[in-house]
Amino acid sequence: MKFFQSTASRGRQGEDSALDFLLDKGMRLIERNYLCRLGEIDLIMHDKDAIVFVEVRYRSSQAFGGAINSVDQRKQAKLIKCAQHFIANCLEKKLTEPSFRFDVIAISPVQSNDGIQWIINAFDEF
């Protein structure tokens, strides 16, 4: 009998790998799996003076464009709305406003660097 890993389990492992990778780069975790009525953000990190919204995508093959190409315009718009919700409802008001960016962690077993590709500032901010 062949063992099949669920999509949720693979996704969780991908997020674990991405989180470890970003922590090793000196970032700090603010929140994981932020969920609101507008969607979900996999990881919200703090990087120097920036709040970083991270989308983690795992793809076992490059068919259909691979992990990076799966973050299309529709997905980006959903992430932006969810990030706006987080900013409006969860960030403490401070005298200085942090900068914001969206990163994508694409994980594929066929890529180098342990299968992780990090795209910093992957798409335009809101």
Foldseek 3Di string as FASTA:
>chain_A
DDDDDDPVRVVVVQLVVVVVVVVVVVKAWDDAFDDDPLGTFGTWIDDPQETEGEAEFEDADCPPNAGLPVCDPVNVVSSQVSVVVCVVPPDDDDPDDGHYAYKYWGAYCVDPPNRTDIGTRSDDHD
